[in-house]
Protein backbone atom coordinates (compact mmCIF):
# COMPACT_ATOMS: atom_id res chain seq x y z
CA MET A 1 0.00 0.00 0.00
CA ALA A 2 3.02 2.28 0.04
CA GLY A 3 2.49 5.45 -1.90
CA VAL A 4 -1.31 5.14 -1.96
CA ALA A 5 -2.92 8.37 -0.78
CA ALA A 6 -5.77 8.58 1.71
CA SER A 7 -9.15 9.28 0.14
CA VAL A 8 -12.69 10.41 0.96
CA GLU A 9 -15.39 9.36 -1.49
CA ARG A 10 -19.13 10.01 -1.55
CA VAL A 11 -21.15 7.07 -2.86
CA LYS A 12 -24.74 5.87 -2.94
CA ASP A 13 -25.10 2.51 -1.26
CA ARG A 14 -26.64 0.09 -3.75
CA ALA A 15 -28.40 -1.99 -1.13
CA THR A 16 -29.94 0.85 0.88
CA GLY A 17 -30.14 3.72 -1.62
CA LEU A 18 -28.65 6.02 1.03
CA ASP A 19 -25.68 8.34 0.55
CA LYS A 20 -22.55 7.61 2.52
CA PHE A 21 -18.90 8.59 2.65
CA VAL A 22 -16.09 6.06 2.48
CA LEU A 23 -12.82 7.11 4.13
CA ARG A 24 -9.73 5.09 3.24
CA GLU A 25 -6.26 5.40 4.71
CA ALA A 26 -3.09 4.43 2.85
CA ARG A 27 -2.32 1.42 5.05
CA GLY A 28 -5.70 -0.20 4.40
CA SER A 29 -8.08 0.94 7.15
CA SER A 30 -11.47 2.33 6.16
CA VAL A 31 -14.63 3.87 7.59
CA GLU A 32 -18.14 4.28 6.20
CA VAL A 33 -20.31 7.20 7.36
CA TYR A 34 -23.95 7.63 6.36
CA LEU A 35 -25.52 11.04 5.97
CA TYR A 36 -28.56 9.43 7.56
CA GLY A 37 -27.95 9.75 11.28
CA GLY A 38 -24.41 11.02 10.77
CA GLN A 39 -23.71 7.38 11.56
CA VAL A 40 -20.51 5.42 11.25
CA THR A 41 -21.48 1.85 10.31
CA PHE A 42 -18.24 0.17 9.28
CA TRP A 43 -14.70 0.57 10.57
CA LYS A 44 -12.06 -1.83 9.29
CA ASN A 45 -8.48 -1.89 10.50
CA ASN A 46 -5.36 -2.29 8.39
CA PHE A 47 -5.93 -6.07 8.34
CA GLY A 48 -9.47 -5.75 6.99
CA HIS A 49 -11.17 -6.76 10.25
CA GLN A 50 -14.58 -5.19 10.87
CA LEU A 51 -14.44 -3.67 14.37
CA LEU A 52 -18.02 -2.44 14.67
CA PHE A 53 -21.19 -4.51 14.91
CA VAL A 54 -24.19 -3.94 12.63
CA SER A 55 -27.13 -6.28 13.00
CA ASN A 56 -27.98 -8.52 10.05
CA LYS A 57 -31.56 -7.39 10.63
CA ALA A 58 -30.76 -3.67 10.71
CA THR A 59 -33.09 -1.58 8.58
CA PHE A 60 -31.57 1.23 6.57
CA LYS A 61 -34.99 2.79 6.03
CA PRO A 62 -35.82 6.14 7.65
CA PRO A 63 -37.21 6.96 10.14
CA LYS A 64 -35.87 3.82 11.86
CA ALA A 65 -32.39 4.25 13.35
CA ILE A 66 -29.66 1.95 12.02
CA ARG A 67 -29.07 -0.85 14.53
CA GLY A 68 -25.32 -0.83 15.05
CA GLY A 69 -22.23 1.18 14.28
CA ILE A 70 -21.94 4.41 16.25
CA GLN A 71 -25.26 6.11 16.91
CA ILE A 72 -25.24 9.81 17.76
CA CYS A 73 -27.63 10.17 20.71
CA PHE A 74 -28.71 13.83 21.03
CA PRO A 75 -30.36 15.69 22.70
CA GLN A 76 -30.95 12.78 25.06
CA LEU A 77 -30.12 9.17 25.79
CA GLY A 78 -33.10 7.00 26.66
CA SER A 79 -36.77 7.95 26.61
CA HIS A 80 -38.01 11.13 28.23
CA GLY A 81 -41.01 13.32 27.43
CA VAL A 82 -42.06 13.76 23.82
CA LEU A 83 -38.62 13.19 22.30
CA GLU A 84 -37.83 10.02 20.39
CA GLN A 85 -35.82 7.21 21.97
CA HIS A 86 -32.22 8.43 22.22
CA GLY A 87 -33.18 11.78 20.67
CA PHE A 88 -33.55 12.67 17.01
CA ALA A 89 -29.98 13.15 15.70
CA ARG A 90 -29.61 9.44 14.85
CA ASN A 91 -32.60 9.42 12.49
CA ARG A 92 -32.23 12.73 10.68
CA PHE A 93 -30.44 13.43 7.43
CA TRP A 94 -27.24 15.38 8.01
CA SER A 95 -25.54 17.64 5.47
CA VAL A 96 -21.93 18.08 4.47
CA ASP A 97 -20.41 20.95 6.43
CA GLU A 98 -18.89 23.06 3.65
CA SER A 99 -17.25 25.58 5.99
CA PRO A 100 -16.32 23.91 9.27
CA PRO A 101 -14.60 26.05 11.90
CA PRO A 102 -10.98 25.30 12.76
CA PHE A 103 -10.65 22.25 14.97
CA PRO A 104 -8.33 22.35 18.03
CA VAL A 105 -6.08 19.63 16.62
CA ALA A 106 -5.89 18.46 13.03
CA THR A 107 -5.63 14.73 13.72
CA SER A 108 -5.87 13.55 10.14
CA ASN A 109 -6.38 14.74 6.60
CA CYS A 110 -8.69 11.75 6.08
CA HIS A 111 -11.94 13.09 7.51
CA ILE A 112 -15.48 14.23 6.69
CA ASP A 113 -17.35 17.13 8.30
CA LEU A 114 -21.12 16.91 8.72
CA ILE A 115 -23.67 19.30 10.17
CA LEU A 116 -27.19 19.05 11.60
CA LYS A 117 -29.32 22.13 12.20
CA SER A 118 -32.66 22.78 13.85
CA SER A 119 -35.59 21.96 11.60
CA GLN A 120 -39.13 23.28 11.96
CA GLU A 121 -40.20 19.71 12.75
CA ASP A 122 -37.65 19.37 15.55
CA LEU A 123 -38.40 22.81 17.00
CA LYS A 124 -41.93 21.63 17.72
CA ILE A 125 -40.69 18.91 20.04
CA TRP A 126 -37.42 20.49 21.22
CA PRO A 127 -37.73 24.29 20.93
CA HIS A 128 -34.04 25.19 20.82
CA SER A 129 -31.93 26.45 17.93
CA TYR A 130 -28.61 24.68 17.56
CA GLU A 131 -25.85 23.73 15.15
CA PHE A 132 -24.35 20.28 15.58
CA ARG A 133 -21.05 19.77 13.76
CA LEU A 134 -19.54 16.29 13.55
CA ARG A 135 -16.10 15.36 12.27
CA VAL A 136 -15.31 11.71 11.58
CA ALA A 137 -11.58 11.15 11.08
CA LEU A 138 -9.37 8.17 10.35
CA SER A 139 -5.74 8.39 11.43
CA PRO A 140 -2.84 7.01 9.33
CA ARG A 141 -2.58 4.02 11.67
CA GLY A 142 -6.31 3.35 11.48
CA ASP A 143 -7.63 4.94 14.69
CA LEU A 144 -11.19 6.29 14.55
CA LEU A 145 -11.91 9.74 15.99
CA LEU A 146 -15.32 11.39 16.33
CA THR A 147 -15.50 15.03 17.38
CA SER A 148 -18.83 16.71 18.10
CA ARG A 149 -19.38 20.45 18.43
CA ILE A 150 -22.80 21.67 19.52
CA LYS A 151 -23.60 25.39 19.58
CA ASN A 152 -26.57 27.31 20.98
CA ILE A 153 -27.55 29.74 18.19
CA SER A 154 -30.87 30.82 19.70
CA SER A 155 -31.96 34.38 18.96
CA ASP A 156 -34.01 34.61 22.16
CA GLY A 157 -30.93 34.36 24.38
CA LYS A 158 -32.25 31.33 26.26
CA PRO A 159 -29.96 28.51 27.38
CA PHE A 160 -30.71 24.85 26.75
CA GLN A 161 -29.63 21.53 28.24
CA PHE A 162 -28.98 18.16 26.67
CA THR A 163 -27.50 14.75 27.34
CA PHE A 164 -25.35 12.94 24.81
CA ALA A 165 -23.78 9.61 23.94
CA TYR A 166 -21.72 7.95 21.24
CA HIS A 167 -23.68 4.68 21.34
CA THR A 168 -20.89 2.47 19.99
CA TYR A 169 -21.60 -1.13 18.97
CA PHE A 170 -18.38 -3.16 18.98
CA SER A 171 -18.00 -6.51 17.26
CA VAL A 172 -16.71 -9.14 19.71
CA SER A 173 -15.97 -12.84 19.43
CA ASP A 174 -17.97 -14.03 22.44
CA ILE A 175 -19.55 -11.68 24.98
CA SER A 176 -18.83 -14.13 27.82
CA GLU A 177 -15.10 -13.88 27.06
CA VAL A 178 -14.92 -10.08 26.96
CA ARG A 179 -13.94 -7.79 29.81
CA VAL A 180 -13.88 -4.02 30.18
CA GLU A 181 -11.15 -2.51 32.34
CA GLY A 182 -10.95 1.01 33.76
CA LEU A 183 -14.45 1.13 35.28
CA GLU A 184 -13.71 -0.81 38.47
CA THR A 185 -14.74 0.87 41.77
CA LEU A 186 -16.81 3.48 39.90
CA ASP A 187 -20.40 4.40 40.70
CA TYR A 188 -22.94 3.64 38.00
CA LEU A 189 -26.62 4.14 37.28
CA ASP A 190 -28.36 0.81 36.65
CA ASN A 191 -31.11 1.30 34.08
CA LEU A 192 -32.39 -2.19 34.87
CA GLN A 193 -33.05 -1.09 38.45
CA SER A 194 -34.80 2.28 37.93
CA LYS A 195 -31.46 4.09 37.60
CA ASN A 196 -30.38 3.07 41.09
CA ARG A 197 -26.88 4.27 41.94
CA CYS A 198 -24.53 1.37 42.62
CA THR A 199 -20.77 0.79 42.86
CA GLU A 200 -18.85 -1.58 40.60
CA GLN A 201 -17.44 -4.38 42.76
CA GLY A 202 -15.48 -6.43 40.23
CA ASP A 203 -11.88 -5.93 39.13
CA ALA A 204 -13.30 -5.65 35.59
CA VAL A 205 -16.72 -5.53 33.97
CA VAL A 206 -17.68 -8.99 32.67
CA PHE A 207 -20.91 -10.20 31.09
CA GLU A 208 -23.19 -13.01 32.22
CA SER A 209 -26.61 -11.42 31.73
CA GLU A 210 -28.29 -8.26 30.43
CA VAL A 211 -26.37 -5.06 31.21
CA ASP A 212 -27.57 -1.46 30.87
CA LYS A 213 -25.39 0.86 32.94
CA VAL A 214 -24.02 4.39 32.91
CA TYR A 215 -20.64 4.58 34.66
CA LEU A 216 -20.08 8.00 36.19
CA SER A 217 -16.96 10.16 36.11
CA ALA A 218 -15.03 7.50 34.22
CA PRO A 219 -11.33 7.91 33.40
CA LYS A 220 -10.33 9.33 30.04
CA LYS A 221 -9.14 5.92 28.83
CA ILE A 222 -10.70 2.48 29.18
CA VAL A 223 -9.98 -0.81 27.43
CA ILE A 224 -12.15 -3.60 26.04
CA ILE A 225 -10.29 -6.89 25.97
CA ASP A 226 -11.45 -9.60 23.57
CA HIS A 227 -9.59 -12.77 24.56
CA GLU A 228 -10.55 -14.93 21.59
CA LYS A 229 -9.67 -12.33 18.97
CA LYS A 230 -6.55 -11.37 20.94
CA ARG A 231 -7.55 -7.77 20.42
CA THR A 232 -7.78 -4.80 22.75
CA LEU A 233 -9.90 -1.78 21.92
CA VAL A 234 -8.68 1.38 23.61
CA LEU A 235 -11.34 4.08 24.03
CA ARG A 236 -10.22 7.60 24.87
CA LYS A 237 -12.67 10.44 25.53
CA GLU A 238 -12.72 14.16 26.13
CA GLY A 239 -15.57 16.42 27.30
CA LEU A 240 -17.67 13.33 28.10
CA PRO A 241 -17.46 12.24 31.74
CA ASP A 242 -19.54 9.06 31.60
CA ILE A 243 -19.43 5.66 29.88
CA VAL A 244 -22.49 3.72 28.69
CA VAL A 245 -22.26 -0.10 28.74
CA TRP A 246 -25.07 -2.18 27.19
CA ASN A 247 -25.82 -5.69 26.05
CA PRO A 248 -29.46 -6.80 25.65
CA TRP A 249 -28.82 -10.54 26.27
CA ASP A 250 -31.18 -13.23 25.02
CA LYS A 251 -34.66 -12.18 26.16
CA LYS A 252 -34.46 -8.58 25.00
CA ALA A 253 -32.64 -9.56 21.78
CA LYS A 254 -35.62 -11.72 20.79
CA ALA A 255 -37.99 -8.82 21.43
CA MET A 256 -36.19 -6.44 19.01
CA PRO A 257 -37.36 -6.81 15.40
CA ASP A 258 -34.13 -5.31 13.98
CA PHE A 259 -31.80 -7.52 16.02
CA GLY A 260 -31.03 -11.24 15.60
CA ASP A 261 -31.97 -13.59 18.43
CA ASP A 262 -28.38 -14.69 19.06
CA GLU A 263 -26.51 -11.56 17.95
CA TYR A 264 -26.10 -10.37 21.54
CA LYS A 265 -23.29 -12.94 21.82
CA ASN A 266 -21.14 -11.06 19.29
CA MET A 267 -21.65 -7.42 20.23
CA LEU A 268 -21.07 -5.00 23.09
CA CYS A 269 -21.99 -1.33 23.37
CA VAL A 270 -19.43 0.84 25.16
CA GLY A 271 -19.48 4.56 24.47
CA ALA A 272 -18.49 7.93 25.86
CA ALA A 273 -21.41 9.98 27.18
CA ALA A 274 -22.62 12.88 29.29
CA ILE A 275 -25.67 11.60 31.14
CA GLU A 276 -25.67 12.26 34.89
CA LYS A 277 -25.05 15.99 34.58
CA PRO A 278 -26.73 17.49 31.48
CA ILE A 279 -24.64 19.92 29.45
CA SER A 280 -25.98 23.47 29.57
CA LEU A 281 -25.23 26.02 26.86
CA LYS A 282 -26.01 29.70 26.98
CA SER A 283 -26.80 31.53 23.77
CA GLY A 284 -23.62 31.63 21.65
CA GLU A 285 -21.82 28.98 23.69
CA GLU A 286 -20.38 25.82 22.15
CA TRP A 287 -19.59 22.39 23.62
CA LEU A 288 -17.03 19.93 22.27
CA GLY A 289 -16.87 16.19 22.96
CA LYS A 290 -14.52 13.59 21.48
CA GLN A 291 -14.22 9.83 21.34
CA GLU A 292 -11.15 8.11 19.89
CA ILE A 293 -10.85 4.35 19.44
CA SER A 294 -7.74 2.33 18.71
CA ALA A 295 -7.61 -1.41 18.03
CA VAL A 296 -4.37 -3.14 18.93
CA PRO A 297 -3.28 -6.80 19.07
CA SER A 298 -2.99 -7.91 22.66
CA SER A 299 -2.42 -10.82 24.97
CA TYR A 300 -3.89 -10.93 28.41
CA SER A 301 -2.30 -12.65 31.37
CA SER A 302 -2.56 -12.11 35.12
CA GLY A 303 -4.34 -8.84 34.69
CA GLN A 304 -1.55 -7.18 32.70
CA LEU A 305 -1.83 -5.67 29.25
CA ASP A 306 1.09 -6.39 26.97
CA PRO A 307 3.70 -3.63 26.38
CA GLU A 308 2.32 -2.76 22.93
CA VAL A 309 -1.08 -1.93 24.41
CA ILE A 310 0.49 0.21 27.11
CA ARG A 311 2.59 2.05 24.51
CA ARG A 312 -0.42 2.73 22.29
CA MET A 313 -2.51 3.93 25.23
CA HIS A 314 0.11 6.52 26.10
CA THR A 315 0.56 7.75 22.55
CA ILE A 316 -3.05 8.28 21.45
């Protein structure tokens, strides 16, 4: 692949009829981003391995959200009031941002900028004027970076509040063999127990049944260790204090029409979020939140990550 330049191409998906962007890096990694939902659906590393999960039963037909990839949950996560489940950003058509503002750090030339603005339809259910800018970038070594910028552009001078999550569906070999490290000893809200506040007791998060938790004030970096694939996913976040962890398990999987009965075994949602303390923006103010994911080969023994994982964690 030496000498092959990175590229960003807009294409119409033959199967779905929807427009998407395909980002390709010189070493072989690639990302697909749909204008519908501003949603990343595929992320392949330099070895061609698909790192995100998309259900075989996912519908790519608006207004249904795409089941998998990285859903943009705004202006809320969950169901509250008249807003749709997980807000409306994930089932709206975004536009290409032709004049994005300067970003704090130019991480990669291989990126696409999208924008979502208040529509008359949305103002009826969420009466706040905003601009939501999203940059999806692919680094030369194949890391995936999402940067969100949300600005209050209201003319009435009123502030607004929102919650947010990058609802990230990872592809895993076997959910029972996966562990998440970095969340131990943290408090979490358990959505299966009426959002009761609990404290994580294990030395890692492991999965034996349905999980739907929001870990509070999580560290900037956590790792997802997939023993069978000998792969570690390193998630780094900024401006997003919380971490959402979800797996529907067997009973709930069977109840979802756009999710296979046994697919819960091969997926895990872990994503950066701001849930416990809503973000408040005054008129003219802007918020920025980032999530960066790296996939590195790893071995796991006696609770220690191998040196390559440690090196990558300190360099991203």
